[in-house]
PDB file of N, CA and C in Angstrom:
ATOM      1  N   UNK A   1     -23.631  30.221  40.534  1.00  0.00           N
ATOM      2  CA  UNK A   1     -23.294  31.053  39.345  1.00  0.00           C
ATOM      3  C   UNK A   1     -23.108  30.138  38.177  1.00  0.00           C
ATOM      4  N   UNK A   2     -23.812  30.365  36.995  1.00  0.00           N
ATOM      5  CA  UNK A   2     -23.700  29.402  35.846  1.00  0.00           C
ATOM      6  C   UNK A   2     -22.472  29.873  35.003  1.00  0.00           C
ATOM      7  N   UNK A   3     -21.701  28.957  34.465  1.00  0.00           N
ATOM      8  CA  UNK A   3     -20.712  29.137  33.554  1.00  0.00           C
ATOM      9  C   UNK A   3     -21.253  29.072  32.095  1.00  0.00           C
ATOM     10  N   UNK A   4     -21.126  30.252  31.361  1.00  0.00           N
ATOM     11  CA  UNK A   4     -21.676  30.252  30.052  1.00  0.00           C
ATOM     12  C   UNK A   4     -20.535  30.118  28.945  1.00  0.00           C
ATOM     13  N   UNK A   5     -19.524  29.371  29.324  1.00  0.00           N
ATOM     14  CA  UNK A   5     -18.393  29.406  28.292  1.00  0.00           C
ATOM     15  C   UNK A   5     -18.884  28.365  27.233  1.00  0.00           C
ATOM     16  N   UNK A   6     -18.332  28.586  26.003  1.00  0.00           N
ATOM     17  CA  UNK A   6     -18.631  27.677  24.966  1.00  0.00           C
ATOM     18  C   UNK A   6     -17.155  27.168  24.603  1.00  0.00           C
ATOM     19  N   UNK A   7     -17.378  25.810  24.565  1.00  0.00           N
ATOM     20  CA  UNK A   7     -16.005  24.988  24.156  1.00  0.00           C
ATOM     21  C   UNK A   7     -16.137  24.324  22.757  1.00  0.00           C
ATOM     22  N   UNK A   8     -15.053  24.358  22.119  1.00  0.00           N
ATOM     23  CA  UNK A   8     -15.069  23.789  20.773  1.00  0.00           C
ATOM     24  C   UNK A   8     -14.961  22.341  21.008  1.00  0.00           C
ATOM     25  N   UNK A   9     -15.488  21.630  19.853  1.00  0.00           N
ATOM     26  CA  UNK A   9     -15.407  20.155  19.843  1.00  0.00           C
ATOM     27  C   UNK A   9     -13.900  19.573  19.997  1.00  0.00           C
ATOM     28  N   UNK A  10     -13.019  20.264  19.374  1.00  0.00           N
ATOM     29  CA  UNK A  10     -11.637  19.955  19.622  1.00  0.00           C
ATOM     30  C   UNK A  10     -11.123  20.177  20.933  1.00  0.00           C
ATOM     31  N   UNK A  11     -11.503  21.224  21.531  1.00  0.00           N
ATOM     32  CA  UNK A  11     -11.241  21.334  23.124  1.00  0.00           C
ATOM     33  C   UNK A  11     -11.631  20.108  23.876  1.00  0.00           C
ATOM     34  N   UNK A  12     -12.944  19.988  23.760  1.00  0.00           N
ATOM     35  CA  UNK A  12     -13.725  18.819  24.509  1.00  0.00           C
ATOM     36  C   UNK A  12     -13.083  17.463  24.238  1.00  0.00           C
ATOM     37  N   UNK A  13     -12.750  17.157  22.880  1.00  0.00           N
ATOM     38  CA  UNK A  13     -12.071  15.975  22.621  1.00  0.00           C
ATOM     39  C   UNK A  13     -10.583  15.868  23.321  1.00  0.00           C
ATOM     40  N   UNK A  14      -9.770  16.934  23.336  1.00  0.00           N
ATOM     41  CA  UNK A  14      -8.536  17.101  23.962  1.00  0.00           C
ATOM     42  C   UNK A  14      -8.705  16.624  25.350  1.00  0.00           C
ATOM     43  N   UNK A  15      -9.680  17.301  26.038  1.00  0.00           N
ATOM     44  CA  UNK A  15      -9.742  16.944  27.418  1.00  0.00           C
ATOM     45  C   UNK A  15     -10.363  15.701  27.944  1.00  0.00           C
ATOM     46  N   UNK A  16     -11.255  15.244  27.248  1.00  0.00           N
ATOM     47  CA  UNK A  16     -11.830  13.866  27.288  1.00  0.00           C
ATOM     48  C   UNK A  16     -10.770  12.871  27.157  1.00  0.00           C
ATOM     49  N   UNK A  17      -9.899  13.004  26.105  1.00  0.00           N
ATOM     50  CA  UNK A  17      -8.857  11.961  26.004  1.00  0.00           C
ATOM     51  C   UNK A  17      -7.924  12.099  26.949  1.00  0.00           C
ATOM     52  N   UNK A  18      -7.598  13.164  27.517  1.00  0.00           N
ATOM     53  CA  UNK A  18      -6.596  13.326  28.880  1.00  0.00           C
ATOM     54  C   UNK A  18      -7.077  12.346  29.953  1.00  0.00           C
ATOM     55  N   UNK A  19      -8.500  12.614  30.041  1.00  0.00           N
ATOM     56  CA  UNK A  19      -9.262  11.914  31.160  1.00  0.00           C
ATOM     57  C   UNK A  19      -9.116  10.283  30.860  1.00  0.00           C
ATOM     58  N   UNK A  20      -9.302  10.053  29.659  1.00  0.00           N
ATOM     59  CA  UNK A  20      -9.348   8.478  29.303  1.00  0.00           C
ATOM     60  C   UNK A  20      -7.986   7.948  29.346  1.00  0.00           C
ATOM     61  N   UNK A  21      -7.110   8.675  28.997  1.00  0.00           N
ATOM     62  CA  UNK A  21      -5.618   8.141  29.247  1.00  0.00           C
ATOM     63  C   UNK A  21      -5.333   7.911  30.740  1.00  0.00           C
ATOM     64  N   UNK A  22      -5.813   8.587  31.539  1.00  0.00           N
ATOM     65  CA  UNK A  22      -5.716   8.263  33.073  1.00  0.00           C
ATOM     66  C   UNK A  22      -4.550   8.534  33.608  1.00  0.00           C
ATOM     67  N   UNK A  23      -3.770   9.350  32.990  1.00  0.00           N
ATOM     68  CA  UNK A  23      -2.342   9.602  33.543  1.00  0.00           C
ATOM     69  C   UNK A  23      -2.367  10.637  34.571  1.00  0.00           C
ATOM     70  N   UNK A  24      -3.501  11.458  34.720  1.00  0.00           N
ATOM     71  CA  UNK A  24      -3.734  12.363  35.722  1.00  0.00           C
ATOM     72  C   UNK A  24      -5.011  12.286  36.253  1.00  0.00           C
ATOM     73  N   UNK A  25      -5.172  12.934  37.622  1.00  0.00           N
ATOM     74  CA  UNK A  25      -6.485  12.806  38.075  1.00  0.00           C
ATOM     75  C   UNK A  25      -7.458  13.731  37.476  1.00  0.00           C
ATOM     76  N   UNK A  26      -8.675  13.404  37.498  1.00  0.00           N
ATOM     77  CA  UNK A  26      -9.684  14.290  36.895  1.00  0.00           C
ATOM     78  C   UNK A  26      -9.654  15.766  37.431  1.00  0.00           C
ATOM     79  N   UNK A  27      -9.468  15.639  38.668  1.00  0.00           N
ATOM     80  CA  UNK A  27      -9.407  17.113  39.619  1.00  0.00           C
ATOM     81  C   UNK A  27      -8.383  17.930  38.949  1.00  0.00           C
ATOM     82  N   UNK A  28      -7.175  17.424  38.646  1.00  0.00           N
ATOM     83  CA  UNK A  28      -6.045  18.100  38.211  1.00  0.00           C
ATOM     84  C   UNK A  28      -6.565  18.766  36.643  1.00  0.00           C
ATOM     85  N   UNK A  29      -7.108  17.856  35.939  1.00  0.00           N
ATOM     86  CA  UNK A  29      -7.620  18.313  34.579  1.00  0.00           C
ATOM     87  C   UNK A  29      -8.491  19.533  34.510  1.00  0.00           C
ATOM     88  N   UNK A  30      -9.642  19.281  35.672  1.00  0.00           N
ATOM     89  CA  UNK A  30     -10.525  20.325  35.826  1.00  0.00           C
ATOM     90  C   UNK A  30     -10.063  21.590  36.161  1.00  0.00           C
ATOM     91  N   UNK A  31      -9.080  21.645  36.979  1.00  0.00           N
ATOM     92  CA  UNK A  31      -8.491  22.734  37.645  1.00  0.00           C
ATOM     93  C   UNK A  31      -7.741  23.352  36.366  1.00  0.00           C
ATOM     94  N   UNK A  32      -6.838  22.455  35.797  1.00  0.00           N
ATOM     95  CA  UNK A  32      -5.966  23.154  34.706  1.00  0.00           C
ATOM     96  C   UNK A  32      -6.655  23.827  33.614  1.00  0.00           C
ATOM     97  N   UNK A  33      -7.824  23.215  33.189  1.00  0.00           N
ATOM     98  CA  UNK A  33      -8.497  23.818  32.143  1.00  0.00           C
ATOM     99  C   UNK A  33      -9.726  24.692  32.415  1.00  0.00           C
ATOM    100  N   UNK A  34      -9.880  24.919  33.814  1.00  0.00           N
ATOM    101  CA  UNK A  34     -10.845  25.637  34.454  1.00  0.00           C
ATOM    102  C   UNK A  34     -12.171  25.391  33.915  1.00  0.00           C
ATOM    103  N   UNK A  35     -12.640  24.063  33.898  1.00  0.00           N
ATOM    104  CA  UNK A  35     -13.920  23.641  33.521  1.00  0.00           C
ATOM    105  C   UNK A  35     -14.694  22.926  34.729  1.00  0.00           C
ATOM    106  N   UNK A  36     -15.898  22.813  34.302  1.00  0.00           N
ATOM    107  CA  UNK A  36     -16.884  22.345  35.360  1.00  0.00           C
ATOM    108  C   UNK A  36     -16.678  20.877  35.673  1.00  0.00           C
ATOM    109  N   UNK A  37     -16.645  20.176  36.649  1.00  0.00           N
ATOM    110  CA  UNK A  37     -16.518  18.597  36.471  1.00  0.00           C
ATOM    111  C   UNK A  37     -17.692  18.072  35.957  1.00  0.00           C
ATOM    112  N   UNK A  38     -19.040  18.593  36.148  1.00  0.00           N
ATOM    113  CA  UNK A  38     -20.092  18.031  35.484  1.00  0.00           C
ATOM    114  C   UNK A  38     -20.153  18.230  34.050  1.00  0.00           C
ATOM    115  N   UNK A  39     -19.553  19.259  33.520  1.00  0.00           N
ATOM    116  CA  UNK A  39     -19.393  19.334  32.078  1.00  0.00           C
ATOM    117  C   UNK A  39     -18.523  18.367  31.534  1.00  0.00           C
ATOM    118  N   UNK A  40     -17.311  18.043  32.257  1.00  0.00           N
ATOM    119  CA  UNK A  40     -16.465  17.116  31.656  1.00  0.00           C
ATOM    120  C   UNK A  40     -16.925  15.679  31.842  1.00  0.00           C
ATOM    121  N   UNK A  41     -17.768  15.462  32.817  1.00  0.00           N
ATOM    122  CA  UNK A  41     -18.460  14.118  32.974  1.00  0.00           C
ATOM    123  C   UNK A  41     -19.439  13.992  31.971  1.00  0.00           C
ATOM    124  N   UNK A  42     -20.190  15.014  31.638  1.00  0.00           N
ATOM    125  CA  UNK A  42     -21.113  15.018  30.419  1.00  0.00           C
ATOM    126  C   UNK A  42     -20.368  14.603  29.013  1.00  0.00           C
ATOM    127  N   UNK A  43     -19.289  15.268  28.756  1.00  0.00           N
ATOM    128  CA  UNK A  43     -18.592  15.184  27.620  1.00  0.00           C
ATOM    129  C   UNK A  43     -18.032  13.750  27.508  1.00  0.00           C
ATOM    130  N   UNK A  44     -17.571  13.254  28.664  1.00  0.00           N
ATOM    131  CA  UNK A  44     -16.852  11.932  28.624  1.00  0.00           C
ATOM    132  C   UNK A  44     -18.018  10.834  28.335  1.00  0.00           C
ATOM    133  N   UNK A  45     -19.124  10.964  28.980  1.00  0.00           N
ATOM    134  CA  UNK A  45     -20.281  10.084  28.662  1.00  0.00           C
ATOM    135  C   UNK A  45     -20.700  10.009  27.346  1.00  0.00           C
ATOM    136  N   UNK A  46     -20.696  11.355  26.734  1.00  0.00           N
ATOM    137  CA  UNK A  46     -21.007  11.275  25.240  1.00  0.00           C
ATOM    138  C   UNK A  46     -20.170  10.612  24.325  1.00  0.00           C
ATOM    139  N   UNK A  47     -18.864  10.840  24.610  1.00  0.00           N
ATOM    140  CA  UNK A  47     -17.644  10.206  23.820  1.00  0.00           C
ATOM    141  C   UNK A  47     -18.039   8.652  24.052  1.00  0.00           C
ATOM    142  N   UNK A  48     -17.970   8.195  25.203  1.00  0.00           N
ATOM    143  CA  UNK A  48     -18.091   6.747  25.582  1.00  0.00           C
ATOM    144  C   UNK A  48     -19.437   6.138  24.985  1.00  0.00           C
ATOM    145  N   UNK A  49     -20.289   6.854  24.992  1.00  0.00           N
ATOM    146  CA  UNK A  49     -21.695   6.268  24.580  1.00  0.00           C
ATOM    147  C   UNK A  49     -21.704   6.261  22.865  1.00  0.00           C
ATOM    148  N   UNK A  50     -20.862   7.078  22.341  1.00  0.00           N
ATOM    149  CA  UNK A  50     -20.924   7.210  20.760  1.00  0.00           C
ATOM    150  C   UNK A  50     -19.596   6.208  20.170  1.00  0.00           C
ATOM    151  N   UNK A  51     -18.850   5.812  21.073  1.00  0.00           N
ATOM    152  CA  UNK A  51     -17.666   5.228  20.427  1.00  0.00           C
ATOM    153  C   UNK A  51     -18.197   3.973  19.541  1.00  0.00           C
ATOM    154  N   UNK A  52     -19.112   3.209  19.918  1.00  0.00           N
ATOM    155  CA  UNK A  52     -19.532   2.109  19.023  1.00  0.00           C
ATOM    156  C   UNK A  52     -19.827   2.665  17.670  1.00  0.00           C
ATOM    157  N   UNK A  53     -20.446   3.714  17.554  1.00  0.00           N
ATOM    158  CA  UNK A  53     -20.979   4.204  16.329  1.00  0.00           C
ATOM    159  C   UNK A  53     -19.604   4.769  15.394  1.00  0.00           C
ATOM    160  N   UNK A  54     -18.797   5.256  16.241  1.00  0.00           N
ATOM    161  CA  UNK A  54     -17.532   5.898  15.566  1.00  0.00           C
ATOM    162  C   UNK A  54     -16.712   4.647  15.039  1.00  0.00           C
ATOM    163  N   UNK A  55     -16.601   3.719  15.784  1.00  0.00           N
ATOM    164  CA  UNK A  55     -15.662   2.551  15.381  1.00  0.00           C
ATOM    165  C   UNK A  55     -16.395   1.578  14.406  1.00  0.00           C
ATOM    166  N   UNK A  56     -17.503   1.763  14.172  1.00  0.00           N
ATOM    167  CA  UNK A  56     -18.225   0.729  13.204  1.00  0.00           C
ATOM    168  C   UNK A  56     -18.722   1.495  12.034  1.00  0.00           C
ATOM    169  N   UNK A  57     -18.387   2.865  11.888  1.00  0.00           N
ATOM    170  CA  UNK A  57     -18.889   3.807  10.920  1.00  0.00           C
ATOM    171  C   UNK A  57     -18.079   3.417   9.573  1.00  0.00           C
ATOM    172  N   UNK A  58     -18.832   3.373   8.529  1.00  0.00           N
ATOM    173  CA  UNK A  58     -18.059   3.254   7.184  1.00  0.00           C
ATOM    174  C   UNK A  58     -17.947   4.555   6.677  1.00  0.00           C
ATOM    175  N   UNK A  59     -16.694   4.922   6.317  1.00  0.00           N
ATOM    176  CA  UNK A  59     -16.316   6.427   5.790  1.00  0.00           C
ATOM    177  C   UNK A  59     -16.335   6.081   4.138  1.00  0.00           C
ATOM    178  N   UNK A  60     -16.312   7.364   3.659  1.00  0.00           N
ATOM    179  CA  UNK A  60     -16.037   7.512   2.203  1.00  0.00           C
ATOM    180  C   UNK A  60     -14.839   6.897   1.903  1.00  0.00           C
ATOM    181  N   UNK A  61     -13.686   7.132   2.488  1.00  0.00           N
ATOM    182  CA  UNK A  61     -12.520   6.368   2.331  1.00  0.00           C
ATOM    183  C   UNK A  61     -12.613   4.886   2.256  1.00  0.00           C
ATOM    184  N   UNK A  62     -13.401   4.288   3.190  1.00  0.00           N
ATOM    185  CA  UNK A  62     -13.625   2.768   3.170  1.00  0.00           C
ATOM    186  C   UNK A  62     -14.298   2.414   1.869  1.00  0.00           C
ATOM    187  N   UNK A  63     -15.386   3.184   1.570  1.00  0.00           N
ATOM    188  CA  UNK A  63     -16.082   2.877   0.317  1.00  0.00           C
ATOM    189  C   UNK A  63     -15.262   2.886  -0.957  1.00  0.00           C
ATOM    190  N   UNK A  64     -14.453   3.984  -0.989  1.00  0.00           N
ATOM    191  CA  UNK A  64     -13.662   4.016  -2.216  1.00  0.00           C
ATOM    192  C   UNK A  64     -12.482   2.902  -2.176  1.00  0.00           C
ATOM    193  N   UNK A  65     -11.941   2.578  -1.046  1.00  0.00           N
ATOM    194  CA  UNK A  65     -11.131   1.523  -0.918  1.00  0.00           C
ATOM    195  C   UNK A  65     -11.718   0.175  -1.405  1.00  0.00           C
ATOM    196  N   UNK A  66     -12.929  -0.219  -0.950  1.00  0.00           N
ATOM    197  CA  UNK A  66     -13.503  -1.262  -1.489  1.00  0.00           C
ATOM    198  C   UNK A  66     -13.772  -1.308  -2.936  1.00  0.00           C
ATOM    199  N   UNK A  67     -14.116  -0.232  -3.504  1.00  0.00           N
ATOM    200  CA  UNK A  67     -14.432  -0.091  -4.880  1.00  0.00           C
ATOM    201  C   UNK A  67     -13.189  -0.380  -5.642  1.00  0.00           C
ATOM    202  N   UNK A  68     -11.898   0.210  -5.297  1.00  0.00           N
ATOM    203  CA  UNK A  68     -10.736   0.222  -5.874  1.00  0.00           C
ATOM    204  C   UNK A  68     -10.235  -1.207  -5.607  1.00  0.00           C
ATOM    205  N   UNK A  69     -10.486  -2.071  -4.723  1.00  0.00           N
ATOM    206  CA  UNK A  69     -10.112  -3.227  -4.538  1.00  0.00           C
ATOM    207  C   UNK A  69     -10.861  -4.264  -5.523  1.00  0.00           C
ATOM    208  N   UNK A  70     -12.160  -4.010  -5.705  1.00  0.00           N
ATOM    209  CA  UNK A  70     -13.095  -4.585  -6.702  1.00  0.00           C
ATOM    210  C   UNK A  70     -12.594  -4.479  -7.906  1.00  0.00           C
ATOM    211  N   UNK A  71     -12.376  -3.225  -8.314  1.00  0.00           N
ATOM    212  CA  UNK A  71     -11.707  -3.001  -9.671  1.00  0.00           C
ATOM    213  C   UNK A  71     -10.388  -3.600 -10.021  1.00  0.00           C
ATOM    214  N   UNK A  72      -9.439  -3.519  -8.884  1.00  0.00           N
ATOM    215  CA  UNK A  72      -8.228  -4.271  -8.908  1.00  0.00           C
ATOM    216  C   UNK A  72      -8.356  -5.720  -9.315  1.00  0.00           C
ATOM    217  N   UNK A  73      -9.276  -6.373  -8.549  1.00  0.00           N
ATOM    218  CA  UNK A  73      -9.619  -7.839  -8.745  1.00  0.00           C
ATOM    219  C   UNK A  73      -9.989  -8.208 -10.141  1.00  0.00           C
ATOM    220  N   UNK A  74     -10.865  -7.148 -10.609  1.00  0.00           N
ATOM    221  CA  UNK A  74     -11.342  -7.366 -11.991  1.00  0.00           C
ATOM    222  C   UNK A  74     -10.260  -7.193 -13.107  1.00  0.00           C
ATOM    223  N   UNK A  75      -9.479  -6.232 -12.744  1.00  0.00           N
ATOM    224  CA  UNK A  75      -8.439  -6.039 -13.815  1.00  0.00           C
ATOM    225  C   UNK A  75      -7.322  -7.156 -13.823  1.00  0.00           C
ATOM    226  N   UNK A  76      -7.164  -7.799 -12.564  1.00  0.00           N
ATOM    227  CA  UNK A  76      -6.168  -8.962 -12.503  1.00  0.00           C
ATOM    228  C   UNK A  76      -6.851 -10.233 -13.206  1.00  0.00           C
ATOM    229  N   UNK A  77      -8.047 -10.342 -13.166  1.00  0.00           N
ATOM    230  CA  UNK A  77      -8.720 -11.393 -13.944  1.00  0.00           C
ATOM    231  C   UNK A  77      -8.571 -11.233 -15.401  1.00  0.00           C
ATOM    232  N   UNK A  78      -8.791  -9.906 -15.806  1.00  0.00           N
ATOM    233  CA  UNK A  78      -8.754  -9.645 -17.242  1.00  0.00           C
ATOM    234  C   UNK A  78      -7.323  -9.866 -17.775  1.00  0.00           C
ATOM    235  N   UNK A  79      -6.339  -9.332 -16.911  1.00  0.00           N
ATOM    236  CA  UNK A  79      -4.831  -9.500 -17.296  1.00  0.00           C
ATOM    237  C   UNK A  79      -4.638 -11.035 -17.434  1.00  0.00           C
ATOM    238  N   UNK A  80      -5.096 -11.847 -16.493  1.00  0.00           N
ATOM    239  CA  UNK A  80      -4.777 -13.335 -16.536  1.00  0.00           C
ATOM    240  C   UNK A  80      -5.434 -13.925 -17.877  1.00  0.00           C
ATOM    241  N   UNK A  81      -6.565 -13.557 -18.033  1.00  0.00           N
ATOM    242  CA  UNK A  81      -7.220 -13.988 -19.494  1.00  0.00           C
ATOM    243  C   UNK A  81      -6.399 -13.377 -20.599  1.00  0.00           C
ATOM    244  N   UNK A  82      -5.932 -12.358 -20.631  1.00  0.00           N
ATOM    245  CA  UNK A  82      -5.192 -11.825 -21.775  1.00  0.00           C
ATOM    246  C   UNK A  82      -3.656 -12.509 -21.785  1.00  0.00           C
ATOM    247  N   UNK A  83      -3.279 -12.875 -20.741  1.00  0.00           N
ATOM    248  CA  UNK A  83      -1.881 -13.688 -20.734  1.00  0.00           C
ATOM    249  C   UNK A  83      -2.284 -14.952 -21.413  1.00  0.00           C
ATOM    250  N   UNK A  84      -3.323 -15.639 -21.061  1.00  0.00           N
ATOM    251  CA  UNK A  84      -3.568 -17.003 -21.458  1.00  0.00           C
ATOM    252  C   UNK A  84      -3.886 -16.952 -23.089  1.00  0.00           C
ATOM    253  N   UNK A  85      -4.641 -15.844 -23.462  1.00  0.00           N
ATOM    254  CA  UNK A  85      -4.795 -15.566 -24.979  1.00  0.00           C
ATOM    255  C   UNK A  85      -3.637 -15.462 -25.647  1.00  0.00           C
ATOM    256  N   UNK A  86      -2.521 -14.503 -25.088  1.00  0.00           N
ATOM    257  CA  UNK A  86      -1.422 -14.210 -25.720  1.00  0.00           C
ATOM    258  C   UNK A  86      -0.451 -15.396 -25.964  1.00  0.00           C
ATOM    259  N   UNK A  87      -0.648 -16.336 -24.825  1.00  0.00           N
ATOM    260  CA  UNK A  87       0.187 -17.661 -24.812  1.00  0.00           C
ATOM    261  C   UNK A  87      -0.289 -18.538 -25.974  1.00  0.00           C
ATOM    262  N   UNK A  88      -1.691 -18.673 -26.005  1.00  0.00           N
ATOM    263  CA  UNK A  88      -2.344 -19.555 -27.095  1.00  0.00           C
ATOM    264  C   UNK A  88      -1.889 -19.052 -28.491  1.00  0.00           C
ATOM    265  N   UNK A  89      -1.910 -17.764 -28.652  1.00  0.00           N
ATOM    266  CA  UNK A  89      -1.595 -17.073 -29.944  1.00  0.00           C
ATOM    267  C   UNK A  89      -0.115 -17.359 -30.351  1.00  0.00           C
ATOM    268  N   UNK A  90       0.788 -17.223 -29.234  1.00  0.00           N
ATOM    269  CA  UNK A  90       2.159 -17.460 -29.609  1.00  0.00           C
ATOM    270  C   UNK A  90       2.530 -18.899 -29.946  1.00  0.00           C
ATOM    271  N   UNK A  91       1.721 -19.768 -29.423  1.00  0.00           N
ATOM    272  CA  UNK A  91       1.850 -21.298 -29.534  1.00  0.00           C
ATOM    273  C   UNK A  91       1.196 -21.509 -31.083  1.00  0.00           C
ATOM    274  N   UNK A  92       0.272 -20.853 -31.395  1.00  0.00           N
ATOM    275  CA  UNK A  92      -0.544 -21.099 -32.603  1.00  0.00           C
ATOM    276  C   UNK A  92       0.485 -20.528 -33.743  1.00  0.00           C
ATOM    277  N   UNK A  93       1.161 -19.399 -33.537  1.00  0.00           N
ATOM    278  CA  UNK A  93       2.073 -18.845 -34.423  1.00  0.00           C
ATOM    279  C   UNK A  93       3.124 -19.706 -34.709  1.00  0.00           C
ATOM    280  N   UNK A  94       3.561 -20.368 -33.582  1.00  0.00           N
ATOM    281  CA  UNK A  94       4.780 -21.047 -33.540  1.00  0.00           C
ATOM    282  C   UNK A  94       4.514 -22.459 -34.633  1.00  0.00           C
ATOM    283  N   UNK A  95       3.171 -23.037 -34.318  1.00  0.00           N
ATOM    284  CA  UNK A  95       2.969 -24.205 -35.056  1.00  0.00           C
ATOM    285  C   UNK A  95       2.656 -23.873 -36.407  1.00  0.00           C
ATOM    286  N   UNK A  96       2.275 -22.817 -36.698  1.00  0.00           N
ATOM    287  CA  UNK A  96       2.041 -22.253 -38.167  1.00  0.00           C
ATOM    288  C   UNK A  96       3.264 -22.161 -38.691  1.00  0.00           C
ATOM    289  N   UNK A  97       4.260 -21.523 -38.193  1.00  0.00           N
ATOM    290  CA  UNK A  97       5.683 -21.490 -38.662  1.00  0.00           C
ATOM    291  C   UNK A  97       6.496 -22.910 -39.030  1.00  0.00           C
ATOM    292  N   UNK A  98       6.013 -23.849 -37.948  1.00  0.00           N
ATOM    293  CA  UNK A  98       6.637 -25.114 -38.158  1.00  0.00           C
ATOM    294  C   UNK A  98       5.885 -25.715 -39.264  1.00  0.00           C
ATOM    295  N   UNK A  99       4.756 -25.656 -39.624  1.00  0.00           N
ATOM    296  CA  UNK A  99       4.020 -26.176 -40.633  1.00  0.00           C
ATOM    297  C   UNK A  99       4.538 -25.602 -41.909  1.00  0.00           C
ATOM    298  N   UNK A 100       4.661 -24.245 -41.822  1.00  0.00           N
ATOM    299  CA  UNK A 100       5.100 -23.604 -43.152  1.00  0.00           C
ATOM    300  C   UNK A 100       6.482 -24.243 -43.479  1.00  0.00           C
ATOM    301  N   UNK A 101       7.268 -24.393 -42.502  1.00  0.00           N
ATOM    302  CA  UNK A 101       8.885 -24.876 -42.814  1.00  0.00           C
ATOM    303  C   UNK A 101       8.781 -26.438 -43.475  1.00  0.00           C
ATOM    304  N   UNK A 102       7.780 -27.201 -42.918  1.00  0.00           N
ATOM    305  CA  UNK A 102       7.804 -28.405 -43.380  1.00  0.00           C
ATOM    306  C   UNK A 102       7.019 -28.644 -44.540  1.00  0.00           C
ATOM    307  N   UNK A 103       6.311 -27.463 -45.113  1.00  0.00           N
ATOM    308  CA  UNK A 103       5.675 -27.627 -46.450  1.00  0.00           C
ATOM    309  C   UNK A 103       4.271 -28.054 -46.245  1.00  0.00           C
ATOM    310  N   UNK A 104       3.781 -28.118 -45.050  1.00  0.00           N
ATOM    311  CA  UNK A 104       2.294 -28.730 -44.971  1.00  0.00           C
ATOM    312  C   UNK A 104       1.367 -27.562 -45.118  1.00  0.00           C
ATOM    313  N   UNK A 105       1.730 -26.479 -45.115  1.00  0.00           N
ATOM    314  CA  UNK A 105       0.557 -25.318 -45.226  1.00  0.00           C
ATOM    315  C   UNK A 105       0.883 -24.669 -46.419  1.00  0.00           C
TER     316      UNK A 105
END
């Protein structure tokens, strides 16, 4: 007799994670959730085979993080340049005041 139950991806993930944790026997998990052993074996194989893709995948968050880091680096460079310009202008202003006091300007 064929089992026509449909399981959600969340349910499959939960069960496969329990198997991978190895805290209980597969037989116990199969009996608890009333699932077929071959189905569980298939789900586990799918998860294990797709792990490299999941772990190496670049997500939208990763892309945004890289863009934000690049922007931050550019802003830090701009800030450093602005600080140098301000320091130069302060020194120039100080020198002009000294020259004015001494009557040379």
